[in-house]
Each structure stands twice: as C-alpha cells, then as structure tokens.
C-alpha cells in the first residue's frame, strides 16, 4: 500500500505509521535501524546505568576541584562532538554507527542524551554537597531505567507526554530502595 493511500484511510494508526517512517529514514540514512524511544532497548539501559555509575565512581575518588574539572572536560568534549557531528554528515554517520546499539533514533539528528547527562552531572556537582551528589547519581542510575522499562511495558495512565503513572511508581519504588 502506498504511503499517500495509507494516510488518506480512516484506519491509519499514526503510531505504526510514524514507526514505519522512522525505520525507513534511519535505514536509508545510516544503513541500519535505530530504536525509538518506545523500545525497551536493553543495551541502552546497561549503558545508562554503567555510565552514571562510572561518573559516580570518578566523583567519589577525586576531590571537588578534580571532579569539577573532569566533568567540565567531558562535557566540553562530548557536547563539542555533538555540535560537530550535527554539522558534518559523514562524521554523524560514523558516530551514529559506532554507537548504534545505544543511540535512539531521535538522537541521530539531535543532541545526544549523554551531553544532557554530563550537563546535569556538572550542575549537581557544582551546586550540591557530596552526599547529595552521590545519592543523585544512584537515584538517576537506577530510577530512570526502571521508570522507562515499566512505563513501556505496563504504562497505561499518561501523566505528561509519554510519561506514565506506572513508570513513575516503578521509579519511586526503586529510588526508595536505593
């Protein structure tokens, strides 16, 4: 069925159509399919947890000034890399193919979640005492993936955007255990 015919029918499921278009575009652009936000995406969850725990480990083993210098250096490096790859198609294809198991389709042509993670880590380290910083890292490392997984699998009651009550409750439970 042609796309124009599919769009004109009443029975079109916009979510299915959107996913099909994303797959076609990412496959055409990169030669492989990137995962959408709605996928469980286990390698990304493992990457997320291990990356945050690595940041927490580095923070716990350096003094305040060294931690701030380290996170600032990482933030400048990775955000610059994001900036460069978004302006250079061949570099973008290379970086996306290198990280294809952990990158989302929405990040292929936008700022990566890692740059946002580093920015948030910088802000937390700069503004809060050590115990708050470490607790924040642990809560984020485990609470965010729990919310995402449970929200995708069991989420029925939307709160804001794609966020669900079931995901929020999973994050609350996991964070209270941390």
Foldseek 3Di string as FASTA:
>chain_A
DDPVVLVPDPPRDVVVVVQVVQQVVCCVLQVGHAAALLDLLVVQLVVLLVVLVVLLVVPVPDDLVVSLVVLVVVLVVLVVLLVVCLVPSVSLSVVCVVCRSRFHSVCSNHPTVVSVVSVVLNVPSVPDDSVSSSLVSVLSSPLVSQLSNQLSVPFDADDPDSGGPRSNVRSVVVSVVD
